[in-house]
N, C-alpha and C. Protein backbone atom coordinates (compact mmCIF):
# COMPACT_ATOMS: atom_id res chain seq x y z
N SER A 1 -8.26 4.00 11.31
CA SER A 1 -7.22 4.90 11.50
C SER A 1 -5.89 4.58 10.93
N PRO A 2 -5.28 5.60 10.31
CA PRO A 2 -3.98 4.98 9.45
C PRO A 2 -2.89 4.73 10.54
N SER A 3 -2.71 5.24 11.78
CA SER A 3 -1.64 4.81 12.41
C SER A 3 -1.93 5.12 13.82
N THR A 4 -0.94 4.38 14.65
CA THR A 4 -1.08 4.67 16.11
C THR A 4 0.17 4.75 16.80
N THR A 5 0.47 5.78 17.59
CA THR A 5 1.77 5.91 18.34
C THR A 5 1.46 5.51 19.84
N SER A 6 2.42 4.94 20.47
CA SER A 6 2.35 4.43 21.62
C SER A 6 3.67 4.55 22.37
N GLN A 7 3.71 5.15 23.65
CA GLN A 7 4.91 5.37 24.24
C GLN A 7 4.70 4.84 25.89
N THR A 8 5.51 3.91 26.33
CA THR A 8 5.44 3.42 27.69
C THR A 8 6.71 3.66 28.46
N ASN A 9 6.65 4.06 29.70
CA ASN A 9 7.73 4.28 30.51
C ASN A 9 7.49 3.95 31.80
N LYS A 10 7.69 2.76 32.29
CA LYS A 10 7.29 2.31 33.59
C LYS A 10 7.92 2.93 34.96
N ALA A 11 9.21 3.52 34.46
CA ALA A 11 10.01 4.00 35.60
C ALA A 11 9.45 5.43 36.23
N THR A 12 8.68 6.03 35.27
CA THR A 12 8.22 7.31 35.51
C THR A 12 6.79 7.40 35.93
N SER A 13 6.38 8.49 36.45
CA SER A 13 5.08 8.78 36.93
C SER A 13 4.14 9.17 35.89
N ALA A 14 4.60 9.51 34.81
CA ALA A 14 3.76 10.01 33.70
C ALA A 14 4.35 10.14 32.25
N SER A 15 3.73 9.74 31.19
CA SER A 15 4.24 10.11 29.93
C SER A 15 3.16 11.17 29.42
N ILE A 16 3.77 12.06 28.67
CA ILE A 16 2.70 13.23 27.98
C ILE A 16 2.98 13.18 26.57
N ILE A 17 2.01 13.01 25.64
CA ILE A 17 2.43 13.22 24.33
C ILE A 17 1.50 14.25 23.72
N THR A 18 1.98 15.21 23.01
CA THR A 18 1.26 16.26 22.30
C THR A 18 1.51 16.21 20.81
N ILE A 19 0.23 16.31 20.13
CA ILE A 19 0.30 16.03 18.73
C ILE A 19 -0.20 17.35 18.00
N ASP A 20 0.38 17.97 17.29
CA ASP A 20 -0.11 19.19 16.56
C ASP A 20 -0.66 18.80 15.28
N THR A 21 -1.86 19.15 14.95
CA THR A 21 -2.62 18.91 13.85
C THR A 21 -2.10 19.79 12.75
N PRO A 22 -1.85 19.00 11.46
CA PRO A 22 -1.45 19.77 10.30
C PRO A 22 -2.64 20.34 9.50
N PRO A 23 -2.67 21.20 8.57
CA PRO A 23 -1.41 21.79 8.03
C PRO A 23 -1.04 23.09 8.88
N ASP A 24 -1.87 23.74 9.61
CA ASP A 24 -1.46 24.85 10.32
C ASP A 24 -0.79 24.55 11.61
N GLN A 25 -1.03 23.45 12.14
CA GLN A 25 -0.41 22.89 13.37
C GLN A 25 -0.83 24.13 14.67
N LEU A 26 -1.95 24.63 14.58
CA LEU A 26 -2.44 25.56 15.50
C LEU A 26 -3.21 24.72 16.54
N LYS A 27 -3.71 23.79 16.30
CA LYS A 27 -4.46 22.84 17.29
C LYS A 27 -3.45 21.83 17.80
N SER A 28 -3.70 21.36 18.92
CA SER A 28 -2.92 20.20 19.51
C SER A 28 -3.83 19.44 20.39
N THR A 29 -3.44 18.25 20.55
CA THR A 29 -3.98 17.35 21.49
C THR A 29 -3.06 16.70 22.43
N THR A 30 -3.28 16.66 23.75
CA THR A 30 -2.39 16.34 24.71
C THR A 30 -3.10 15.02 25.46
N LYS A 31 -2.21 14.15 25.66
CA LYS A 31 -2.63 12.87 26.27
C LYS A 31 -1.73 12.63 27.49
N GLU A 32 -2.02 12.17 28.62
CA GLU A 32 -1.10 11.87 29.69
C GLU A 32 -1.46 10.61 30.43
N GLY A 33 -0.52 9.93 30.69
CA GLY A 33 -0.48 8.62 31.53
C GLY A 33 0.61 7.80 31.73
N LYS A 34 0.59 6.83 32.27
CA LYS A 34 1.83 5.83 32.16
C LYS A 34 2.08 5.16 30.86
N SER A 35 1.03 4.99 30.09
CA SER A 35 1.07 4.53 28.65
C SER A 35 0.19 5.38 27.86
N VAL A 36 0.77 5.98 26.80
CA VAL A 36 0.00 6.96 25.98
C VAL A 36 -0.31 6.47 24.67
N THR A 37 -1.40 6.51 24.12
CA THR A 37 -1.64 5.96 22.65
C THR A 37 -2.58 7.00 22.03
N TYR A 38 -2.22 7.41 20.66
CA TYR A 38 -2.96 8.26 19.89
C TYR A 38 -3.22 7.56 18.47
N ASP A 39 -4.38 7.76 18.05
CA ASP A 39 -4.72 7.24 16.63
C ASP A 39 -4.87 8.54 15.74
N PHE A 40 -4.21 8.48 14.77
CA PHE A 40 -4.14 9.60 13.63
C PHE A 40 -5.46 9.36 12.79
N ASN A 41 -6.22 10.44 12.64
CA ASN A 41 -7.43 10.23 11.85
C ASN A 41 -7.35 10.70 10.48
N GLN A 42 -6.20 11.31 10.14
CA GLN A 42 -6.01 11.81 8.89
C GLN A 42 -4.47 11.68 8.49
N THR A 43 -4.27 11.51 7.10
CA THR A 43 -2.86 11.49 6.57
C THR A 43 -2.26 12.83 6.81
N GLY A 44 -0.93 12.80 6.96
CA GLY A 44 -0.19 14.20 7.04
C GLY A 44 1.04 14.14 7.77
N LYS A 45 1.74 15.17 8.11
CA LYS A 45 3.01 15.22 8.89
C LYS A 45 2.45 15.76 10.12
N TYR A 46 2.88 15.15 11.16
CA TYR A 46 2.52 15.72 12.40
C TYR A 46 3.86 15.94 13.29
N LYS A 47 3.83 17.11 14.09
CA LYS A 47 4.89 17.29 14.96
C LYS A 47 4.48 16.70 16.42
N VAL A 48 5.11 15.74 16.98
CA VAL A 48 4.86 15.13 18.14
C VAL A 48 5.90 15.40 19.19
N ARG A 49 5.33 15.95 20.36
CA ARG A 49 6.41 16.05 21.51
C ARG A 49 5.96 15.30 22.54
N LEU A 50 7.03 14.49 22.98
CA LEU A 50 6.99 13.63 23.96
C LEU A 50 7.63 14.05 25.30
N THR A 51 6.84 14.08 26.43
CA THR A 51 7.40 14.62 27.53
C THR A 51 7.40 13.50 28.63
N ILE A 52 8.38 13.10 29.32
CA ILE A 52 8.63 12.20 30.32
C ILE A 52 8.90 12.90 31.62
N LYS A 53 7.87 12.73 32.68
CA LYS A 53 8.00 13.22 34.04
C LYS A 53 8.28 12.13 34.79
N ASP A 54 9.25 12.46 35.84
CA ASP A 54 9.50 11.47 36.77
C ASP A 54 8.82 11.62 38.21
N ASN A 55 9.08 11.03 39.26
CA ASN A 55 8.23 11.13 40.41
C ASN A 55 8.52 12.47 41.25
N SER A 56 9.72 12.79 40.98
CA SER A 56 10.21 14.07 41.53
C SER A 56 9.72 15.39 40.79
N GLY A 57 9.29 15.38 39.75
CA GLY A 57 8.77 16.38 38.87
C GLY A 57 9.79 16.78 37.85
N GLU A 58 10.91 16.09 37.64
CA GLU A 58 11.74 16.34 36.51
C GLU A 58 11.29 15.94 35.25
N PHE A 59 11.51 16.55 34.17
CA PHE A 59 11.06 16.03 33.10
C PHE A 59 11.89 16.22 31.83
N SER A 60 11.65 15.61 30.81
CA SER A 60 12.62 15.81 29.47
C SER A 60 11.62 15.71 28.43
N ASN A 61 11.86 16.68 27.32
CA ASN A 61 11.02 16.73 26.19
C ASN A 61 11.75 16.27 24.91
N LYS A 62 11.01 15.53 23.88
CA LYS A 62 11.68 15.15 22.82
C LYS A 62 10.59 15.50 21.60
N ASP A 63 10.92 16.36 20.75
CA ASP A 63 10.18 16.63 19.50
C ASP A 63 10.56 15.72 18.41
N PHE A 64 9.64 15.25 17.71
CA PHE A 64 10.02 14.58 16.28
C PHE A 64 8.77 14.63 15.42
N PHE A 65 8.83 14.33 14.22
CA PHE A 65 7.68 14.47 13.16
C PHE A 65 7.20 12.90 12.82
N VAL A 66 6.15 12.75 12.59
CA VAL A 66 5.49 11.37 12.32
C VAL A 66 4.84 11.80 10.92
N SER A 67 5.02 10.91 9.85
CA SER A 67 4.49 10.93 8.63
C SER A 67 3.42 9.83 8.72
N VAL A 68 1.97 10.17 8.49
CA VAL A 68 1.04 9.31 8.55
C VAL A 68 0.49 9.03 7.01
N MET A 69 0.42 7.69 6.44
CA MET A 69 0.01 7.52 5.14
C MET A 69 -1.08 6.53 5.19
N ARG A 70 -1.67 6.29 4.27
CA ARG A 70 -2.65 5.28 3.99
C ARG A 70 -2.03 4.14 3.13
N ILE A 71 -1.64 3.13 3.76
CA ILE A 71 -0.78 2.04 3.00
C ILE A 71 -1.60 1.37 2.08
N THR A 72 -3.05 1.31 2.23
CA THR A 72 -3.86 0.71 1.13
C THR A 72 -3.62 1.00 -0.17
N ALA A 73 -3.42 2.51 -0.20
CA ALA A 73 -3.22 2.98 -1.66
C ALA A 73 -1.95 2.54 -2.35
N TYR A 74 -0.85 2.29 -1.45
CA TYR A 74 0.36 1.94 -1.99
C TYR A 74 0.30 0.50 -2.27
N LYS A 75 -0.50 -0.29 -1.67
CA LYS A 75 -0.62 -1.74 -2.01
C LYS A 75 -1.38 -1.88 -3.25
N GLN A 76 -2.47 -1.15 -3.47
CA GLN A 76 -3.17 -1.05 -4.90
C GLN A 76 -2.30 -0.76 -5.94
N ILE A 77 -1.46 0.30 -5.78
CA ILE A 77 -0.55 0.65 -6.80
C ILE A 77 0.56 -0.52 -7.18
N ALA A 78 1.02 -1.14 -5.98
CA ALA A 78 2.03 -2.24 -6.11
C ALA A 78 1.38 -3.40 -6.78
N LEU A 79 0.00 -3.71 -6.53
CA LEU A 79 -0.61 -4.87 -7.15
C LEU A 79 -0.94 -4.50 -8.68
N THR A 80 -1.28 -3.31 -9.02
CA THR A 80 -1.31 -2.87 -10.46
C THR A 80 -0.17 -2.95 -11.17
N ILE A 81 0.91 -2.66 -10.67
CA ILE A 81 2.34 -2.76 -11.30
C ILE A 81 2.68 -4.17 -11.50
N ILE A 82 2.43 -4.94 -10.40
CA ILE A 82 2.69 -6.47 -10.52
C ILE A 82 1.78 -7.25 -11.48
N SER A 83 0.50 -6.80 -11.65
CA SER A 83 -0.17 -7.43 -12.71
C SER A 83 0.25 -7.00 -14.25
N ILE A 84 0.46 -5.78 -14.34
CA ILE A 84 1.03 -5.32 -15.57
C ILE A 84 2.28 -6.11 -16.01
N LEU A 85 3.09 -6.21 -15.02
CA LEU A 85 4.50 -6.84 -15.31
C LEU A 85 4.17 -8.42 -15.69
N LEU A 86 3.25 -9.05 -14.94
CA LEU A 86 2.80 -10.46 -15.21
C LEU A 86 2.30 -10.46 -16.57
N ALA A 87 1.44 -9.55 -17.09
CA ALA A 87 0.71 -9.56 -18.31
C ALA A 87 1.90 -9.52 -19.39
N LEU A 88 2.74 -8.67 -19.22
CA LEU A 88 3.92 -8.55 -20.06
C LEU A 88 4.67 -9.58 -20.31
N ILE A 89 5.02 -10.39 -19.11
CA ILE A 89 5.69 -11.66 -19.11
C ILE A 89 4.85 -12.72 -20.01
N ILE A 90 3.61 -12.78 -19.83
CA ILE A 90 2.73 -13.87 -20.62
C ILE A 90 2.65 -13.49 -22.03
N ILE A 91 2.63 -12.30 -22.33
CA ILE A 91 2.53 -11.76 -23.71
C ILE A 91 3.99 -12.05 -24.33
N LEU A 92 4.97 -11.78 -23.73
CA LEU A 92 6.33 -11.98 -24.31
C LEU A 92 6.59 -13.53 -24.50
N LYS A 93 6.10 -14.29 -23.50
CA LYS A 93 6.27 -15.86 -23.76
C LYS A 93 5.35 -16.40 -24.91
N TYR A 94 4.19 -15.66 -25.12
CA TYR A 94 3.41 -16.00 -26.05
C TYR A 94 3.98 -15.71 -27.52
N ILE A 95 4.59 -14.46 -27.61
CA ILE A 95 5.14 -14.15 -28.77
C ILE A 95 6.42 -14.89 -29.27
N THR A 96 7.11 -15.16 -28.15
CA THR A 96 8.43 -16.07 -28.42
C THR A 96 7.96 -17.42 -28.85
N GLY A 97 6.97 -17.93 -28.18
CA GLY A 97 6.37 -19.32 -28.57
C GLY A 97 5.89 -19.28 -29.80
N THR A 98 5.23 -18.36 -30.39
CA THR A 98 4.48 -18.34 -31.60
C THR A 98 5.61 -18.19 -32.66
N LYS A 99 6.56 -17.32 -32.48
CA LYS A 99 7.85 -17.07 -33.15
C LYS A 99 8.63 -18.47 -33.47
N ASN A 100 8.71 -19.25 -32.24
CA ASN A 100 9.50 -20.42 -32.41
C ASN A 100 8.59 -21.60 -33.22
N LEU A 101 7.29 -21.42 -33.00
CA LEU A 101 6.38 -22.42 -33.85
C LEU A 101 6.49 -22.08 -35.28
N LYS A 102 6.53 -20.96 -35.78
CA LYS A 102 6.64 -20.41 -37.16
C LYS A 102 8.07 -20.81 -37.53
N ASP A 103 9.14 -20.66 -36.90
CA ASP A 103 10.48 -21.03 -37.32
C ASP A 103 10.48 -22.47 -37.36
N ASN A 104 9.96 -23.21 -36.60
CA ASN A 104 9.93 -24.66 -36.68
C ASN A 104 9.13 -25.24 -37.86
N HIS A 105 8.12 -24.60 -38.15
CA HIS A 105 7.14 -25.04 -39.21
C HIS A 105 7.80 -24.53 -40.62
N SER A 106 8.52 -23.41 -40.79
CA SER A 106 9.31 -23.09 -41.98
C SER A 106 10.43 -23.99 -42.19
N HIS A 107 10.93 -24.42 -41.10
CA HIS A 107 12.19 -25.45 -41.24
C HIS A 107 11.68 -26.90 -41.70
N THR A 108 10.59 -27.34 -41.32
CA THR A 108 10.14 -28.54 -41.65
C THR A 108 9.64 -28.38 -43.20
N GLN A 109 9.00 -27.42 -43.56
CA GLN A 109 8.78 -27.25 -44.99
C GLN A 109 9.71 -27.29 -45.94
N HIS A 110 10.89 -26.64 -45.50
CA HIS A 110 12.03 -26.65 -46.26
C HIS A 110 12.79 -28.06 -46.31
N GLU A 111 12.61 -28.70 -45.37
CA GLU A 111 13.18 -30.23 -45.17
C GLU A 111 12.45 -31.12 -46.18
N SER A 112 11.09 -30.96 -46.41
CA SER A 112 10.39 -31.83 -47.09
C SER A 112 10.53 -31.85 -48.53
């Protein structure tokens, strides 16, 4: 699973987390407990509502958005870019080394 959200509040009787499913966000999942965890199965932008209730029934809501991404794709892109850059460095070193050898060879021929 791409990501996990966890919220714990020991001073309250319950934490409730509600996650709306993209793209239509018509479906939602609600979990309740002193410690709440949710695994996102798909990438996307999720609206998350966290509700904290205390023992007297008072509660507070907080809405926020979570963007879930697959990091492995970004790692593969980064490794590809690094590999290309290293190959370019090696090629440039080879070209400059070859040029220096030619320059040194032409200088020694002129001196003879």
